[in-house]
N, C-alpha and C. Protein backbone atom coordinates (compact mmCIF):
# COMPACT_ATOMS: atom_id res chain seq x y z
N MET A 1 -10.98 -11.01 74.95
CA MET A 1 -12.29 -10.55 75.37
C MET A 1 -12.91 -9.70 74.26
N ILE A 2 -14.18 -9.91 74.02
CA ILE A 2 -14.90 -9.16 72.99
C ILE A 2 -15.56 -7.94 73.64
N ALA A 3 -15.39 -6.79 72.98
CA ALA A 3 -15.98 -5.56 73.50
C ALA A 3 -17.50 -5.64 73.48
N GLN A 4 -18.12 -5.02 74.47
CA GLN A 4 -19.58 -5.02 74.56
C GLN A 4 -20.21 -4.38 73.32
N THR A 5 -19.55 -3.36 72.77
CA THR A 5 -20.10 -2.71 71.57
C THR A 5 -20.11 -3.67 70.39
N SER A 6 -19.09 -4.52 70.29
CA SER A 6 -19.05 -5.51 69.22
C SER A 6 -20.16 -6.54 69.38
N LEU A 7 -20.37 -6.98 70.60
CA LEU A 7 -21.46 -7.94 70.86
C LEU A 7 -22.81 -7.32 70.54
N SER A 8 -22.99 -6.08 70.92
CA SER A 8 -24.26 -5.39 70.64
C SER A 8 -24.50 -5.29 69.14
N ALA A 9 -23.44 -4.96 68.41
CA ALA A 9 -23.57 -4.85 66.95
C ALA A 9 -23.92 -6.20 66.35
N PHE A 10 -23.29 -7.26 66.85
CA PHE A 10 -23.55 -8.60 66.34
C PHE A 10 -25.01 -8.98 66.55
N TYR A 11 -25.51 -8.77 67.77
CA TYR A 11 -26.89 -9.15 68.06
C TYR A 11 -27.91 -8.28 67.35
N ALA A 12 -27.49 -7.10 66.90
CA ALA A 12 -28.40 -6.20 66.19
C ALA A 12 -28.51 -6.53 64.71
N LEU A 13 -27.64 -7.41 64.21
CA LEU A 13 -27.69 -7.76 62.79
C LEU A 13 -29.05 -8.33 62.43
N ASP A 14 -29.54 -7.94 61.30
CA ASP A 14 -30.81 -8.44 60.80
C ASP A 14 -30.53 -9.62 59.88
N ASN A 15 -30.71 -10.82 60.40
CA ASN A 15 -30.43 -12.02 59.60
C ASN A 15 -31.31 -12.10 58.37
N THR A 16 -32.50 -11.55 58.43
CA THR A 16 -33.38 -11.56 57.28
C THR A 16 -32.76 -10.77 56.13
N ALA A 17 -32.16 -9.64 56.45
CA ALA A 17 -31.52 -8.82 55.41
C ALA A 17 -30.34 -9.56 54.79
N LEU A 18 -29.56 -10.27 55.61
CA LEU A 18 -28.42 -11.02 55.09
C LEU A 18 -28.90 -12.15 54.18
N LYS A 19 -29.94 -12.85 54.58
CA LYS A 19 -30.49 -13.93 53.75
C LYS A 19 -31.02 -13.38 52.43
N LYS A 20 -31.66 -12.23 52.50
CA LYS A 20 -32.19 -11.61 51.29
C LYS A 20 -31.06 -11.25 50.34
N MET A 21 -29.96 -10.71 50.89
CA MET A 21 -28.82 -10.34 50.07
C MET A 21 -28.20 -11.58 49.42
N LYS A 22 -28.09 -12.67 50.17
CA LYS A 22 -27.55 -13.90 49.59
C LYS A 22 -28.46 -14.42 48.48
N THR A 23 -29.75 -14.32 48.67
CA THR A 23 -30.71 -14.76 47.65
C THR A 23 -30.55 -13.92 46.38
N ILE A 24 -30.39 -12.62 46.54
CA ILE A 24 -30.21 -11.74 45.38
C ILE A 24 -28.94 -12.12 44.63
N ILE A 25 -27.87 -12.35 45.35
CA ILE A 25 -26.59 -12.71 44.73
C ILE A 25 -26.71 -14.06 44.03
N TYR A 26 -27.33 -15.03 44.68
CA TYR A 26 -27.51 -16.35 44.08
C TYR A 26 -28.32 -16.25 42.78
N ARG A 27 -29.42 -15.53 42.81
CA ARG A 27 -30.26 -15.40 41.62
C ARG A 27 -29.54 -14.65 40.50
N THR A 28 -28.73 -13.69 40.86
CA THR A 28 -27.96 -12.96 39.85
C THR A 28 -26.94 -13.88 39.21
N LEU A 29 -26.30 -14.72 39.99
CA LEU A 29 -25.36 -15.70 39.43
C LEU A 29 -26.09 -16.67 38.51
N LEU A 30 -27.28 -17.09 38.87
CA LEU A 30 -28.07 -17.98 38.01
C LEU A 30 -28.39 -17.29 36.69
N PHE A 31 -28.73 -16.02 36.75
CA PHE A 31 -29.09 -15.26 35.57
C PHE A 31 -27.91 -15.12 34.61
N HIS A 32 -26.70 -14.86 35.16
CA HIS A 32 -25.52 -14.63 34.32
C HIS A 32 -25.13 -15.86 33.52
N LYS A 33 -25.20 -17.02 34.10
CA LYS A 33 -24.83 -18.28 33.46
C LYS A 33 -23.38 -18.29 32.98
N ASP A 34 -22.66 -17.22 33.25
CA ASP A 34 -21.24 -17.14 32.92
C ASP A 34 -20.47 -17.01 34.23
N ASN A 35 -19.18 -17.20 34.13
CA ASN A 35 -18.33 -17.00 35.29
C ASN A 35 -18.16 -15.51 35.50
N VAL A 36 -18.47 -15.01 36.70
CA VAL A 36 -18.36 -13.58 36.99
C VAL A 36 -17.52 -13.36 38.24
N THR A 37 -16.84 -12.21 38.28
CA THR A 37 -16.06 -11.83 39.45
C THR A 37 -16.96 -11.12 40.45
N HIS A 38 -16.45 -10.94 41.66
CA HIS A 38 -17.23 -10.21 42.67
C HIS A 38 -17.58 -8.80 42.20
N ARG A 39 -16.62 -8.12 41.59
CA ARG A 39 -16.88 -6.73 41.15
C ARG A 39 -17.87 -6.69 39.99
N GLU A 40 -17.77 -7.65 39.07
CA GLU A 40 -18.74 -7.70 37.97
C GLU A 40 -20.14 -7.96 38.52
N LEU A 41 -20.22 -8.83 39.51
CA LEU A 41 -21.50 -9.14 40.13
C LEU A 41 -22.07 -7.91 40.83
N ALA A 42 -21.22 -7.19 41.57
CA ALA A 42 -21.66 -5.96 42.24
C ALA A 42 -22.13 -4.93 41.22
N ARG A 43 -21.42 -4.80 40.11
CA ARG A 43 -21.82 -3.84 39.08
C ARG A 43 -23.17 -4.22 38.47
N SER A 44 -23.39 -5.50 38.27
CA SER A 44 -24.66 -5.93 37.69
C SER A 44 -25.83 -5.69 38.64
N LEU A 45 -25.54 -5.52 39.91
CA LEU A 45 -26.58 -5.21 40.88
C LEU A 45 -26.78 -3.70 41.02
N SER A 46 -26.24 -2.95 40.09
CA SER A 46 -26.42 -1.49 39.99
C SER A 46 -26.04 -0.75 41.27
N GLY A 47 -25.00 -1.23 41.93
CA GLY A 47 -24.52 -0.53 43.12
C GLY A 47 -25.36 -0.73 44.37
N ARG A 48 -26.36 -1.59 44.31
CA ARG A 48 -27.20 -1.84 45.49
C ARG A 48 -26.43 -2.60 46.57
N VAL A 49 -25.42 -3.34 46.14
CA VAL A 49 -24.59 -4.12 47.05
C VAL A 49 -23.14 -3.84 46.70
N SER A 50 -22.32 -3.55 47.71
CA SER A 50 -20.90 -3.27 47.45
C SER A 50 -20.16 -4.55 47.08
N ALA A 51 -19.04 -4.40 46.42
CA ALA A 51 -18.23 -5.56 46.05
C ALA A 51 -17.79 -6.32 47.30
N GLU A 52 -17.52 -5.60 48.37
CA GLU A 52 -17.12 -6.25 49.63
C GLU A 52 -18.25 -7.12 50.19
N ASN A 53 -19.47 -6.61 50.16
CA ASN A 53 -20.61 -7.41 50.63
C ASN A 53 -20.88 -8.58 49.69
N VAL A 54 -20.69 -8.38 48.40
CA VAL A 54 -20.84 -9.49 47.45
C VAL A 54 -19.84 -10.58 47.79
N ARG A 55 -18.59 -10.19 48.08
CA ARG A 55 -17.56 -11.16 48.42
C ARG A 55 -17.94 -11.94 49.68
N LYS A 56 -18.39 -11.24 50.70
CA LYS A 56 -18.77 -11.91 51.96
C LYS A 56 -19.93 -12.88 51.75
N ARG A 57 -20.97 -12.43 51.07
CA ARG A 57 -22.14 -13.30 50.85
C ARG A 57 -21.79 -14.46 49.94
N THR A 58 -20.93 -14.23 48.92
CA THR A 58 -20.51 -15.32 48.03
C THR A 58 -19.76 -16.37 48.82
N ASN A 59 -18.87 -15.96 49.71
CA ASN A 59 -18.14 -16.92 50.54
C ASN A 59 -19.08 -17.73 51.41
N GLU A 60 -20.13 -17.11 51.92
CA GLU A 60 -21.13 -17.85 52.69
C GLU A 60 -21.84 -18.87 51.81
N LEU A 61 -22.16 -18.49 50.58
CA LEU A 61 -22.81 -19.42 49.65
C LEU A 61 -21.88 -20.56 49.27
N VAL A 62 -20.59 -20.30 49.19
CA VAL A 62 -19.61 -21.37 48.93
C VAL A 62 -19.64 -22.36 50.09
N LYS A 63 -19.62 -21.86 51.32
CA LYS A 63 -19.66 -22.74 52.50
C LYS A 63 -20.94 -23.55 52.56
N GLU A 64 -22.03 -22.99 52.02
CA GLU A 64 -23.32 -23.70 51.99
C GLU A 64 -23.38 -24.70 50.84
N GLY A 65 -22.39 -24.66 49.95
CA GLY A 65 -22.31 -25.63 48.87
C GLY A 65 -23.16 -25.34 47.65
N VAL A 66 -23.56 -24.09 47.44
CA VAL A 66 -24.39 -23.76 46.28
C VAL A 66 -23.63 -22.95 45.22
N VAL A 67 -22.48 -22.40 45.59
CA VAL A 67 -21.66 -21.60 44.68
C VAL A 67 -20.24 -22.14 44.73
N PHE A 68 -19.52 -22.04 43.61
CA PHE A 68 -18.14 -22.51 43.59
C PHE A 68 -17.27 -21.58 42.75
N CYS A 69 -15.97 -21.61 43.05
CA CYS A 69 -15.00 -20.85 42.27
C CYS A 69 -14.82 -21.60 40.96
N SER A 70 -15.14 -20.93 39.86
CA SER A 70 -15.15 -21.61 38.56
C SER A 70 -13.95 -21.28 37.69
N GLY A 71 -12.99 -20.55 38.23
CA GLY A 71 -11.79 -20.23 37.47
C GLY A 71 -11.35 -18.80 37.68
N LYS A 72 -10.70 -18.26 36.66
CA LYS A 72 -10.23 -16.87 36.69
C LYS A 72 -10.39 -16.27 35.31
N HIS A 73 -10.61 -14.98 35.27
CA HIS A 73 -10.53 -14.23 34.02
C HIS A 73 -10.24 -12.76 34.31
N GLU A 74 -9.98 -12.02 33.28
CA GLU A 74 -9.73 -10.59 33.47
C GLU A 74 -11.05 -9.90 33.79
N CYS A 75 -11.10 -9.29 34.94
CA CYS A 75 -12.32 -8.61 35.39
C CYS A 75 -12.59 -7.41 34.49
N SER A 76 -13.81 -7.30 34.02
CA SER A 76 -14.17 -6.18 33.14
C SER A 76 -14.30 -4.87 33.91
N VAL A 77 -14.32 -4.93 35.23
CA VAL A 77 -14.41 -3.72 36.05
C VAL A 77 -13.03 -3.19 36.38
N THR A 78 -12.13 -4.08 36.83
CA THR A 78 -10.81 -3.65 37.28
C THR A 78 -9.71 -3.85 36.25
N GLY A 79 -9.92 -4.74 35.29
CA GLY A 79 -8.89 -5.06 34.31
C GLY A 79 -7.84 -6.02 34.84
N ARG A 80 -8.04 -6.53 36.05
CA ARG A 80 -7.09 -7.47 36.67
C ARG A 80 -7.66 -8.89 36.63
N MET A 81 -6.75 -9.85 36.74
CA MET A 81 -7.18 -11.24 36.85
C MET A 81 -7.87 -11.43 38.20
N ALA A 82 -9.00 -12.11 38.19
CA ALA A 82 -9.74 -12.32 39.42
C ALA A 82 -10.46 -13.66 39.34
N LYS A 83 -10.75 -14.22 40.51
CA LYS A 83 -11.51 -15.46 40.57
C LYS A 83 -12.93 -15.21 40.05
N THR A 84 -13.49 -16.23 39.46
CA THR A 84 -14.87 -16.16 38.98
C THR A 84 -15.73 -17.15 39.75
N TRP A 85 -17.02 -16.89 39.75
CA TRP A 85 -17.96 -17.66 40.55
C TRP A 85 -19.14 -18.11 39.71
N SER A 86 -19.63 -19.29 40.03
CA SER A 86 -20.80 -19.87 39.36
C SER A 86 -21.61 -20.66 40.37
N VAL A 87 -22.83 -20.99 39.99
CA VAL A 87 -23.67 -21.83 40.84
C VAL A 87 -23.64 -23.26 40.31
N TYR A 88 -23.82 -24.21 41.22
CA TYR A 88 -23.92 -25.60 40.80
C TYR A 88 -25.23 -25.79 40.06
N ALA A 89 -25.18 -26.52 38.96
CA ALA A 89 -26.39 -26.75 38.15
C ALA A 89 -27.29 -27.77 38.77
């Protein structure tokens, strides 16, 4: 059973804001033209979007078929190996 507070929070979500965030992430990926990690993408957005939100919106864009995992490289933010993302041309 789902708690009433969870349902209320779900229905209160502003889908317009989520779409806008996905558009910003998509356009930023287009601008980079390189493979970027979630954290690199979040940093390029000057902290306006957290790395966690970038990850969530990127996964939605993958499901929509406009973004794909393009490999791995050492993240310039964390210094760890991480998946990279690109848009389909």
